[in-house]
C-alpha atoms as a PDB file:
ATOM      1  CA  UNK A   1      -0.045   0.008  -0.021  1.00  0.00           C
ATOM      2  CA  UNK A   2       2.896   2.332   0.786  1.00  0.00           C
ATOM      3  CA  UNK A   3       4.304   1.990  -2.797  1.00  0.00           C
ATOM      4  CA  UNK A   4       0.783   2.417  -4.314  1.00  0.00           C
ATOM      5  CA  UNK A   5       0.427   5.606  -2.267  1.00  0.00           C
ATOM      6  CA  UNK A   6       3.878   6.686  -3.541  1.00  0.00           C
ATOM      7  CA  UNK A   7       2.537   6.307  -7.088  1.00  0.00           C
ATOM      8  CA  UNK A   8      -0.644   8.373  -6.522  1.00  0.00           C
ATOM      9  CA  UNK A   9      -0.040  10.992  -3.797  1.00  0.00           C
ATOM     10  CA  UNK A  10       2.486  13.012  -5.869  1.00  0.00           C
ATOM     11  CA  UNK A  11      -0.237  13.791  -8.434  1.00  0.00           C
ATOM     12  CA  UNK A  12      -2.003  15.820  -5.742  1.00  0.00           C
ATOM     13  CA  UNK A  13       1.165  17.714  -4.753  1.00  0.00           C
ATOM     14  CA  UNK A  14       3.052  20.714  -6.069  1.00  0.00           C
ATOM     15  CA  UNK A  15       5.688  19.282  -8.392  1.00  0.00           C
ATOM     16  CA  UNK A  16       8.362  21.762  -7.174  1.00  0.00           C
ATOM     17  CA  UNK A  17       8.281  19.950  -3.807  1.00  0.00           C
ATOM     18  CA  UNK A  18       9.265  16.652  -5.409  1.00  0.00           C
ATOM     19  CA  UNK A  19      12.872  15.721  -6.250  1.00  0.00           C
ATOM     20  CA  UNK A  20      14.659  12.597  -7.369  1.00  0.00           C
ATOM     21  CA  UNK A  21      16.435  12.502  -4.001  1.00  0.00           C
ATOM     22  CA  UNK A  22      13.102  12.717  -2.183  1.00  0.00           C
ATOM     23  CA  UNK A  23      11.661   9.865  -4.345  1.00  0.00           C
ATOM     24  CA  UNK A  24      14.748   7.634  -3.897  1.00  0.00           C
ATOM     25  CA  UNK A  25      14.839   8.419  -0.161  1.00  0.00           C
ATOM     26  CA  UNK A  26      11.190   7.467   0.227  1.00  0.00           C
ATOM     27  CA  UNK A  27      11.519   4.289  -1.841  1.00  0.00           C
ATOM     28  CA  UNK A  28      14.543   3.166   0.252  1.00  0.00           C
ATOM     29  CA  UNK A  29      12.996   4.226   3.613  1.00  0.00           C
ATOM     30  CA  UNK A  30      15.968   6.424   4.235  1.00  0.00           C
ATOM     31  CA  UNK A  31      14.995   9.952   3.266  1.00  0.00           C
ATOM     32  CA  UNK A  32      11.508  10.010   4.817  1.00  0.00           C
ATOM     33  CA  UNK A  33      12.788   8.689   8.109  1.00  0.00           C
ATOM     34  CA  UNK A  34      15.995  10.689   8.469  1.00  0.00           C
ATOM     35  CA  UNK A  35      15.207  14.048   6.966  1.00  0.00           C
ATOM     36  CA  UNK A  36      12.919  16.554   8.798  1.00  0.00           C
ATOM     37  CA  UNK A  37      11.784  17.903   5.353  1.00  0.00           C
ATOM     38  CA  UNK A  38      10.946  14.542   3.758  1.00  0.00           C
ATOM     39  CA  UNK A  39       9.395  12.696   6.750  1.00  0.00           C
ATOM     40  CA  UNK A  40       5.814  13.022   5.368  1.00  0.00           C
ATOM     41  CA  UNK A  41       6.565  14.610   2.040  1.00  0.00           C
ATOM     42  CA  UNK A  42       5.377  12.053  -0.519  1.00  0.00           C
ATOM     43  CA  UNK A  43       3.171   9.649   1.395  1.00  0.00           C
ATOM     44  CA  UNK A  44       1.192  10.910   4.398  1.00  0.00           C
ATOM     45  CA  UNK A  45       2.121   8.769   7.354  1.00  0.00           C
ATOM     46  CA  UNK A  46       5.137   7.309   5.504  1.00  0.00           C
ATOM     47  CA  UNK A  47       7.287   8.037   8.510  1.00  0.00           C
ATOM     48  CA  UNK A  48       5.587   5.093  10.295  1.00  0.00           C
ATOM     49  CA  UNK A  49       6.656   2.541   7.660  1.00  0.00           C
ATOM     50  CA  UNK A  50      10.182   3.865   7.813  1.00  0.00           C
ATOM     51  CA  UNK A  51      10.263   3.535  11.593  1.00  0.00           C
ATOM     52  CA  UNK A  52       9.007  -0.071  11.279  1.00  0.00           C
ATOM     53  CA  UNK A  53      11.559  -0.904   8.598  1.00  0.00           C
ATOM     54  CA  UNK A  54      14.320   0.540  10.772  1.00  0.00           C
ATOM     55  CA  UNK A  55      13.162  -1.574  13.704  1.00  0.00           C
ATOM     56  CA  UNK A  56      13.229  -4.695  11.551  1.00  0.00           C
ATOM     57  CA  UNK A  57      16.971  -4.028  10.987  1.00  0.00           C
ATOM     58  CA  UNK A  58      17.492  -4.318  14.659  1.00  0.00           C
ATOM     59  CA  UNK A  59      15.330  -7.374  15.194  1.00  0.00           C
ATOM     60  CA  UNK A  60      18.075 -10.048  14.733  1.00  0.00           C
ATOM     61  CA  UNK A  61      20.235  -8.308  17.331  1.00  0.00           C
ATOM     62  CA  UNK A  62      17.356  -7.922  19.739  1.00  0.00           C
ATOM     63  CA  UNK A  63      16.419 -11.638  19.493  1.00  0.00           C
ATOM     64  CA  UNK A  64      20.031 -12.477  20.477  1.00  0.00           C
ATOM     65  CA  UNK A  65      20.127  -9.996  23.402  1.00  0.00           C
ATOM     66  CA  UNK A  66      16.650 -10.109  24.885  1.00  0.00           C
ATOM     67  CA  UNK A  67      15.750 -13.569  26.093  1.00  0.00           C
ATOM     68  CA  UNK A  68      13.330 -13.040  28.975  1.00  0.00           C
ATOM     69  CA  UNK A  69      10.934 -10.603  30.627  1.00  0.00           C
ATOM     70  CA  UNK A  70      13.594  -9.135  32.857  1.00  0.00           C
ATOM     71  CA  UNK A  71      15.871  -8.225  29.993  1.00  0.00           C
ATOM     72  CA  UNK A  72      12.913  -6.746  28.057  1.00  0.00           C
ATOM     73  CA  UNK A  73      11.955  -4.525  30.964  1.00  0.00           C
ATOM     74  CA  UNK A  74      15.608  -3.361  31.243  1.00  0.00           C
ATOM     75  CA  UNK A  75      15.609  -2.735  27.546  1.00  0.00           C
ATOM     76  CA  UNK A  76      12.440  -0.654  27.829  1.00  0.00           C
ATOM     77  CA  UNK A  77      13.990   1.433  30.568  1.00  0.00           C
ATOM     78  CA  UNK A  78      17.208   1.971  28.697  1.00  0.00           C
ATOM     79  CA  UNK A  79      15.440   2.802  25.401  1.00  0.00           C
ATOM     80  CA  UNK A  80      13.207   5.320  27.202  1.00  0.00           C
ATOM     81  CA  UNK A  81      16.144   7.064  28.910  1.00  0.00           C
ATOM     82  CA  UNK A  82      18.129   7.194  25.667  1.00  0.00           C
ATOM     83  CA  UNK A  83      15.091   8.450  23.775  1.00  0.00           C
ATOM     84  CA  UNK A  84      14.396  11.196  26.289  1.00  0.00           C
ATOM     85  CA  UNK A  85      18.025  12.321  26.388  1.00  0.00           C
ATOM     86  CA  UNK A  86      18.281  12.501  22.632  1.00  0.00           C
ATOM     87  CA  UNK A  87      14.964  14.442  22.490  1.00  0.00           C
ATOM     88  CA  UNK A  88      16.085  16.930  25.140  1.00  0.00           C
ATOM     89  CA  UNK A  89      19.387  17.610  23.435  1.00  0.00           C
ATOM     90  CA  UNK A  90      17.882  17.846  19.927  1.00  0.00           C
ATOM     91  CA  UNK A  91      14.922  20.013  21.052  1.00  0.00           C
ATOM     92  CA  UNK A  92      17.460  22.629  22.129  1.00  0.00           C
ATOM     93  CA  UNK A  93      19.370  22.529  18.920  1.00  0.00           C
ATOM     94  CA  UNK A  94      17.602  24.094  15.961  1.00  0.00           C
ATOM     95  CA  UNK A  95      19.029  22.073  13.062  1.00  0.00           C
ATOM     96  CA  UNK A  96      16.459  23.603  10.678  1.00  0.00           C
ATOM     97  CA  UNK A  97      14.776  26.967  10.626  1.00  0.00           C
ATOM     98  CA  UNK A  98      11.214  25.697  10.838  1.00  0.00           C
ATOM     99  CA  UNK A  99      10.467  24.888  14.498  1.00  0.00           C
ATOM    100  CA  UNK A 100       7.100  23.132  13.693  1.00  0.00           C
ATOM    101  CA  UNK A 101       8.717  20.761  11.165  1.00  0.00           C
ATOM    102  CA  UNK A 102      11.525  20.074  13.641  1.00  0.00           C
ATOM    103  CA  UNK A 103       9.022  19.310  16.402  1.00  0.00           C
ATOM    104  CA  UNK A 104       7.069  16.866  14.145  1.00  0.00           C
ATOM    105  CA  UNK A 105      10.362  15.242  13.050  1.00  0.00           C
ATOM    106  CA  UNK A 106      11.527  14.713  16.658  1.00  0.00           C
ATOM    107  CA  UNK A 107       8.238  13.054  17.440  1.00  0.00           C
ATOM    108  CA  UNK A 108       8.149  10.882  14.317  1.00  0.00           C
ATOM    109  CA  UNK A 109      11.704   9.639  13.883  1.00  0.00           C
ATOM    110  CA  UNK A 110      12.898   6.149  14.937  1.00  0.00           C
ATOM    111  CA  UNK A 111      14.680   6.931  18.230  1.00  0.00           C
ATOM    112  CA  UNK A 112      11.563   8.526  19.653  1.00  0.00           C
ATOM    113  CA  UNK A 113       9.378   5.599  18.633  1.00  0.00           C
ATOM    114  CA  UNK A 114      11.829   2.864  19.833  1.00  0.00           C
ATOM    115  CA  UNK A 115      10.328   2.488  23.322  1.00  0.00           C
ATOM    116  CA  UNK A 116       6.983   1.567  21.758  1.00  0.00           C
ATOM    117  CA  UNK A 117       8.682  -1.467  20.172  1.00  0.00           C
ATOM    118  CA  UNK A 118      10.296  -2.261  23.546  1.00  0.00           C
ATOM    119  CA  UNK A 119       6.764  -2.394  24.979  1.00  0.00           C
ATOM    120  CA  UNK A 120       5.824  -4.850  22.306  1.00  0.00           C
ATOM    121  CA  UNK A 121       8.743  -7.085  23.311  1.00  0.00           C
ATOM    122  CA  UNK A 122       7.535  -6.980  26.923  1.00  0.00           C
ATOM    123  CA  UNK A 123       4.038  -7.994  25.771  1.00  0.00           C
ATOM    124  CA  UNK A 124       5.547 -10.877  23.853  1.00  0.00           C
ATOM    125  CA  UNK A 125       7.116 -12.234  27.055  1.00  0.00           C
ATOM    126  CA  UNK A 126       3.925 -11.593  29.102  1.00  0.00           C
ATOM    127  CA  UNK A 127       1.638 -13.332  26.665  1.00  0.00           C
END
């Protein structure tokens, strides 16, 4: 569905907002997850797919490291602390001139969403 959206949503956009880099970045799940300007640029909600795809890159490592409920709870705590620290530091640094776009990006990018996946790992061990 994401790729179908990528085919159709650009027809409803201003063509000057679309670039080859933006298209390649969205197709590869790199640009729309790691660029504040591209995070929702071609497919609304595309950031979520990129966050999920990034998480899948870490799954083999997580399967090797997290073997029980105790480790999954520790992982949640660590991911939450790291997430908050990164967010505090980056919210003070204005990397781009648009504060609204920067705020949306800091909410939507992978490190901020990582604790949600940690909660899912805990639920796996509880169920």
